[in-house]
N, C-alpha and C. Protein backbone atom coordinates (compact mmCIF):
# COMPACT_ATOMS: atom_id res chain seq x y z
N UNK A 1 112.29 112.66 106.74
CA UNK A 1 111.26 112.28 107.67
C UNK A 1 109.91 112.87 107.27
N UNK A 2 109.91 114.10 106.76
CA UNK A 2 108.66 114.71 106.34
C UNK A 2 108.04 113.99 105.15
N UNK A 3 108.87 113.45 104.27
CA UNK A 3 108.35 112.69 103.14
C UNK A 3 107.65 111.42 103.62
N UNK A 4 108.21 110.79 104.64
CA UNK A 4 107.58 109.59 105.21
C UNK A 4 106.24 109.95 105.83
N UNK A 5 106.17 111.08 106.52
CA UNK A 5 104.91 111.51 107.13
C UNK A 5 103.85 111.76 106.06
N UNK A 6 104.25 112.34 104.95
CA UNK A 6 103.28 112.61 103.88
C UNK A 6 102.78 111.33 103.24
N UNK A 7 103.67 110.38 103.02
CA UNK A 7 103.26 109.09 102.45
C UNK A 7 102.34 108.37 103.43
N UNK A 8 102.68 108.39 104.70
CA UNK A 8 101.83 107.75 105.69
C UNK A 8 100.49 108.48 105.84
N UNK A 9 100.48 109.78 105.60
CA UNK A 9 99.22 110.52 105.60
C UNK A 9 98.29 110.03 104.52
N UNK A 10 98.83 109.83 103.32
CA UNK A 10 98.02 109.29 102.23
C UNK A 10 97.55 107.88 102.58
N UNK A 11 98.42 107.10 103.19
CA UNK A 11 98.06 105.75 103.59
C UNK A 11 96.92 105.75 104.62
N UNK A 12 96.97 106.66 105.60
CA UNK A 12 95.91 106.74 106.60
C UNK A 12 94.59 107.12 105.95
N UNK A 13 94.61 108.03 105.00
CA UNK A 13 93.38 108.42 104.31
C UNK A 13 92.81 107.23 103.56
N UNK A 14 93.65 106.49 102.86
CA UNK A 14 93.18 105.32 102.11
C UNK A 14 92.65 104.24 103.04
N UNK A 15 93.31 104.02 104.16
CA UNK A 15 92.83 103.02 105.13
C UNK A 15 91.49 103.46 105.71
N UNK A 16 91.34 104.73 106.00
CA UNK A 16 90.08 105.22 106.54
C UNK A 16 88.92 105.04 105.58
N UNK A 17 89.14 105.38 104.33
CA UNK A 17 88.08 105.24 103.33
C UNK A 17 87.76 103.77 103.10
N UNK A 18 88.79 102.93 103.01
CA UNK A 18 88.54 101.50 102.79
C UNK A 18 87.87 100.86 104.00
N UNK A 19 88.17 101.31 105.20
CA UNK A 19 87.49 100.78 106.39
C UNK A 19 86.00 101.15 106.37
N UNK A 20 85.69 102.36 105.96
CA UNK A 20 84.28 102.77 105.84
C UNK A 20 83.54 101.97 104.80
N UNK A 21 84.19 101.76 103.65
CA UNK A 21 83.56 100.95 102.60
C UNK A 21 83.35 99.52 103.07
N UNK A 22 84.36 98.97 103.75
CA UNK A 22 84.23 97.61 104.26
C UNK A 22 83.08 97.50 105.25
N UNK A 23 82.99 98.43 106.20
CA UNK A 23 81.93 98.36 107.20
C UNK A 23 80.55 98.44 106.58
N UNK A 24 80.39 99.31 105.61
CA UNK A 24 79.06 99.47 105.03
C UNK A 24 78.75 98.33 104.06
N UNK A 25 79.67 98.06 103.15
CA UNK A 25 79.37 97.10 102.08
C UNK A 25 79.39 95.65 102.56
N UNK A 26 80.37 95.27 103.36
CA UNK A 26 80.52 93.87 103.74
C UNK A 26 79.90 93.53 105.09
N UNK A 27 79.66 94.52 105.94
CA UNK A 27 79.07 94.24 107.25
C UNK A 27 77.62 94.69 107.34
N UNK A 28 77.32 95.93 106.95
CA UNK A 28 75.99 96.48 107.16
C UNK A 28 74.98 96.02 106.11
N UNK A 29 75.36 95.99 104.85
CA UNK A 29 74.41 95.63 103.80
C UNK A 29 73.84 94.23 103.99
N UNK A 30 74.65 93.20 104.28
CA UNK A 30 74.03 91.89 104.53
C UNK A 30 73.07 91.89 105.72
N UNK A 31 73.38 92.69 106.74
CA UNK A 31 72.48 92.76 107.89
C UNK A 31 71.19 93.49 107.54
N UNK A 32 71.28 94.52 106.70
CA UNK A 32 70.07 95.22 106.24
C UNK A 32 69.18 94.27 105.46
N UNK A 33 69.79 93.42 104.65
CA UNK A 33 69.01 92.50 103.83
C UNK A 33 68.35 91.41 104.66
N UNK A 34 68.99 90.98 105.76
CA UNK A 34 68.39 89.96 106.63
C UNK A 34 67.20 90.50 107.39
N UNK A 35 67.27 91.75 107.82
CA UNK A 35 66.18 92.35 108.57
C UNK A 35 66.05 91.74 109.96
N UNK A 36 64.89 91.89 110.56
CA UNK A 36 64.64 91.32 111.87
C UNK A 36 65.52 91.91 112.95
N UNK A 37 66.14 91.05 113.76
CA UNK A 37 67.00 91.49 114.86
C UNK A 37 68.35 92.01 114.37
N UNK A 38 68.66 91.80 113.11
CA UNK A 38 69.94 92.25 112.56
C UNK A 38 69.94 93.73 112.19
N UNK A 39 68.82 94.41 112.33
CA UNK A 39 68.77 95.82 111.95
C UNK A 39 69.54 96.72 112.91
N UNK A 40 69.56 96.37 114.18
CA UNK A 40 70.27 97.21 115.16
C UNK A 40 71.77 97.27 114.87
N UNK A 41 72.46 96.12 114.68
CA UNK A 41 73.88 96.23 114.32
C UNK A 41 74.10 96.93 112.98
N UNK A 42 73.18 96.74 112.04
CA UNK A 42 73.31 97.40 110.74
C UNK A 42 73.24 98.91 110.89
N UNK A 43 72.33 99.38 111.73
CA UNK A 43 72.21 100.82 111.97
C UNK A 43 73.47 101.35 112.65
N UNK A 44 74.00 100.60 113.61
CA UNK A 44 75.21 101.02 114.32
C UNK A 44 76.39 101.08 113.36
N UNK A 45 76.57 100.06 112.52
CA UNK A 45 77.66 100.07 111.54
C UNK A 45 77.54 101.24 110.57
N UNK A 46 76.31 101.46 110.07
CA UNK A 46 76.11 102.44 109.01
C UNK A 46 76.19 103.88 109.51
N UNK A 47 75.54 104.18 110.62
CA UNK A 47 75.39 105.57 111.02
C UNK A 47 76.30 106.00 112.17
N UNK A 48 76.95 105.05 112.83
CA UNK A 48 77.82 105.43 113.96
C UNK A 48 79.28 105.06 113.67
N UNK A 49 79.56 103.78 113.47
CA UNK A 49 80.95 103.35 113.36
C UNK A 49 81.63 103.78 112.06
N UNK A 50 80.97 103.59 110.93
CA UNK A 50 81.60 103.92 109.65
C UNK A 50 81.98 105.41 109.56
N UNK A 51 81.08 106.35 109.89
CA UNK A 51 81.50 107.76 109.82
C UNK A 51 82.61 108.12 110.81
N UNK A 52 82.54 107.59 112.03
CA UNK A 52 83.56 107.92 113.03
C UNK A 52 84.93 107.42 112.59
N UNK A 53 84.99 106.16 112.15
CA UNK A 53 86.27 105.58 111.74
C UNK A 53 86.80 106.27 110.49
N UNK A 54 85.95 106.45 109.49
CA UNK A 54 86.38 107.06 108.23
C UNK A 54 86.86 108.50 108.44
N UNK A 55 86.08 109.29 109.13
CA UNK A 55 86.46 110.69 109.34
C UNK A 55 87.69 110.81 110.24
N UNK A 56 87.74 110.02 111.30
CA UNK A 56 88.87 110.10 112.21
C UNK A 56 90.19 109.76 111.54
N UNK A 57 90.21 108.67 110.81
CA UNK A 57 91.46 108.26 110.16
C UNK A 57 91.82 109.21 109.01
N UNK A 58 90.80 109.70 108.30
CA UNK A 58 91.07 110.61 107.19
C UNK A 58 91.58 111.96 107.67
N UNK A 59 91.02 112.46 108.75
CA UNK A 59 91.50 113.73 109.31
C UNK A 59 92.93 113.58 109.83
N UNK A 60 93.22 112.45 110.47
CA UNK A 60 94.58 112.19 110.93
C UNK A 60 95.55 112.19 109.74
N UNK A 61 95.17 111.54 108.65
CA UNK A 61 96.01 111.53 107.45
C UNK A 61 96.15 112.90 106.83
N UNK A 62 95.08 113.68 106.84
CA UNK A 62 95.13 115.03 106.29
C UNK A 62 96.12 115.90 107.07
N UNK A 63 96.06 115.80 108.39
CA UNK A 63 97.00 116.56 109.21
C UNK A 63 98.44 116.12 108.96
N UNK A 64 98.64 114.84 108.74
CA UNK A 64 99.99 114.35 108.43
C UNK A 64 100.45 114.91 107.09
N UNK A 65 99.55 115.00 106.12
CA UNK A 65 99.91 115.58 104.82
C UNK A 65 100.25 117.06 104.93
N UNK A 66 99.54 117.77 105.78
CA UNK A 66 99.78 119.20 105.94
C UNK A 66 101.04 119.51 106.74
N UNK A 67 101.58 118.52 107.42
CA UNK A 67 102.80 118.74 108.19
C UNK A 67 102.55 119.21 109.61
N UNK A 68 101.35 119.02 110.11
CA UNK A 68 101.04 119.47 111.47
C UNK A 68 101.75 118.66 112.53
N UNK A 69 102.19 117.46 112.20
CA UNK A 69 102.89 116.62 113.18
C UNK A 69 104.40 116.82 113.14
N UNK A 70 104.87 117.79 112.37
CA UNK A 70 106.30 118.06 112.32
C UNK A 70 106.66 119.25 113.22
N UNK A 71 105.79 119.56 114.17
CA UNK A 71 106.06 120.67 115.09
C UNK A 71 106.14 120.14 116.52
N UNK A 72 106.83 120.86 117.35
CA UNK A 72 106.90 120.53 118.76
C UNK A 72 106.69 121.82 119.53
N UNK A 73 105.61 121.88 120.28
CA UNK A 73 105.23 123.06 121.06
C UNK A 73 105.13 124.31 120.17
N UNK A 74 104.58 124.14 118.97
CA UNK A 74 104.38 125.27 118.08
C UNK A 74 105.60 125.66 117.28
N UNK A 75 106.71 124.97 117.46
CA UNK A 75 107.95 125.30 116.73
C UNK A 75 108.20 124.23 115.68
N UNK A 76 108.61 124.64 114.51
CA UNK A 76 108.93 123.70 113.45
C UNK A 76 110.20 122.93 113.79
N UNK A 77 110.18 121.64 113.52
CA UNK A 77 111.37 120.83 113.77
C UNK A 77 112.29 120.84 112.58
């Protein structure tokens, strides 16, 4: 079970990084290039959503790699 948690931890980190890249490259950059009224969503994607999603999923994966989810009430399972 711990091996599955570690593999899924790596998967969560990869999903988090790829989600950040997707938000910035495929969503925000075209909006930055259009300008005008499209700047507000571009700013939200770039400076709010991408960091929150990337860091949140990556930290979750890091904790899974470290084995922090293999405990119950501070005791190792």
